[in-house]
Every structure is written in structure tokens, then in C-alpha cells.
Protein backbone atom coordinates (compact mmCIF):
# COMPACT_ATOMS: atom_id res chain seq x y z
CA UNK A 1 0.00 0.28 0.13
CA UNK A 2 1.19 3.71 -0.52
CA UNK A 3 2.62 5.13 2.21
CA UNK A 4 3.28 8.68 1.47
CA UNK A 5 0.82 11.49 0.31
CA UNK A 6 2.25 11.49 -3.24
CA UNK A 7 2.17 7.87 -3.53
CA UNK A 8 -1.54 7.58 -2.30
CA UNK A 9 -2.60 10.31 -4.96
CA UNK A 10 -0.64 8.63 -7.78
CA UNK A 11 -2.64 5.52 -6.94
CA UNK A 12 -5.88 7.53 -6.68
CA UNK A 13 -5.19 8.80 -10.24
CA UNK A 14 -4.09 5.68 -11.79
CA UNK A 15 -7.31 4.07 -10.62
CA UNK A 16 -9.59 6.51 -12.22
CA UNK A 17 -7.58 6.77 -15.34
CA UNK A 18 -7.83 2.99 -15.32
CA UNK A 19 -11.57 3.28 -15.43
CA UNK A 20 -11.50 6.00 -17.80
CA UNK A 21 -9.24 3.98 -20.12
CA UNK A 22 -11.34 0.72 -19.96
CA UNK A 23 -14.64 2.65 -21.12
CA UNK A 24 -12.75 3.62 -23.89
CA UNK A 25 -11.65 0.10 -24.95
CA UNK A 26 -15.00 -0.98 -24.40
CA UNK A 27 -16.42 1.72 -26.79
CA UNK A 28 -13.94 0.67 -29.49
CA UNK A 29 -14.84 -3.03 -28.89
CA UNK A 30 -18.60 -2.11 -29.68
CA UNK A 31 -17.57 -0.42 -32.66
CA UNK A 32 -15.91 -3.27 -33.95
CA UNK A 33 -18.75 -5.52 -32.91
CA UNK A 34 -21.15 -3.35 -35.02
CA UNK A 35 -18.83 -3.97 -38.18
CA UNK A 36 -18.46 -7.59 -37.44
CA UNK A 37 -22.49 -7.84 -37.11
CA UNK A 38 -23.04 -6.33 -40.49
CA UNK A 39 -20.57 -8.46 -42.07
CA UNK A 40 -22.19 -11.67 -40.64
CA UNK A 41 -25.67 -10.35 -42.32
CA UNK A 42 -23.81 -9.96 -45.59
CA UNK A 43 -24.85 -6.35 -45.48
CA UNK A 44 -22.29 -4.48 -47.42
CA UNK A 45 -23.69 -0.83 -47.15
CA UNK A 46 -24.47 -1.48 -43.27
CA UNK A 47 -21.04 -2.94 -42.80
CA UNK A 48 -18.89 0.05 -45.06
CA UNK A 49 -20.95 2.62 -42.78
CA UNK A 50 -20.17 0.95 -39.64
CA UNK A 51 -16.81 0.60 -40.62
CA UNK A 52 -16.51 4.39 -41.58
CA UNK A 53 -17.66 5.11 -37.86
CA UNK A 54 -14.95 2.67 -36.25
CA UNK A 55 -11.81 3.76 -37.98
CA UNK A 56 -11.61 7.29 -36.67
CA UNK A 57 -12.29 6.05 -33.10
CA UNK A 58 -9.74 3.41 -33.26
CA UNK A 59 -7.42 5.95 -34.58
CA UNK A 60 -8.04 8.29 -31.93
CA UNK A 61 -7.58 5.84 -28.96
CA UNK A 62 -4.35 4.52 -30.88
CA UNK A 63 -2.96 8.02 -30.75
CA UNK A 64 -3.73 8.58 -27.11
CA UNK A 65 -2.04 5.27 -26.26
CA UNK A 66 -5.02 3.72 -25.00
CA UNK A 67 -4.66 0.92 -27.52
CA UNK A 68 -1.55 -0.08 -29.46
CA UNK A 69 -0.94 1.24 -32.98
CA UNK A 70 -0.31 -1.93 -34.11
CA UNK A 71 -3.52 -3.33 -32.65
CA UNK A 72 -5.52 -0.57 -34.18
CA UNK A 73 -4.08 -1.25 -37.86
CA UNK A 74 -4.71 -4.97 -37.15
CA UNK A 75 -8.41 -4.45 -36.56
CA UNK A 76 -8.87 -1.76 -39.40
CA UNK A 77 -7.15 -4.00 -41.87
CA UNK A 78 -8.95 -7.14 -40.76
CA UNK A 79 -12.37 -5.41 -40.94
CA UNK A 80 -11.70 -3.82 -44.06
CA UNK A 81 -10.63 -7.04 -45.72
CA UNK A 82 -13.67 -8.76 -44.51
CA UNK A 83 -15.90 -5.89 -45.90
CA UNK A 84 -14.26 -6.13 -49.56
CA UNK A 85 -14.59 -9.88 -49.33
CA UNK A 86 -18.63 -9.33 -48.95
CA UNK A 87 -18.32 -7.25 -52.51
CA UNK A 88 -16.51 -9.75 -54.30
């Protein structure tokens, strides 16, 4: 346990940031699930629209460091390739 006032404050801040970042990660997963649902339903237009909504959110969280930039790129690439497979 934290023994100094500074360490106690840092522990409080870390906990609040953890909750804040967890909600952002949950939001990204929700956006990805929306794209996946449209892909499963084989709805190209809905999948494209959902993908276009998800990309800025994914990029924003990667810029903030909440998710790794390579993970963001991997998600975008896999979603995009799945959408392209629908059209073909």
C-alpha cells in the first residue's frame, strides 16, 4: 500500500485513469462488433457505414495510447478485408 501522500495520490489517479481507459476500450470493441454484425448479415452498405464510423474512433484511441497502434492497424485491416470479401 502507498505510504506517502504523493504515492496515495498517484494510486488514486491511476485507478481513475484505469476506469476511464476501460470505458474507451469497451467503446472500441462495441464499434468493432457493429462492423462484424453487418459482415455476418452480409450487408455491404451497413458494414461500410459501420467501418467508416469505427475507423476514427480506433485511430483516436491509438493516438492517445489507450490501444497499441499496431493493434489498431490490425483491426482496421481485418475489418476492411472482410468488407471487401463481401463485395467480391
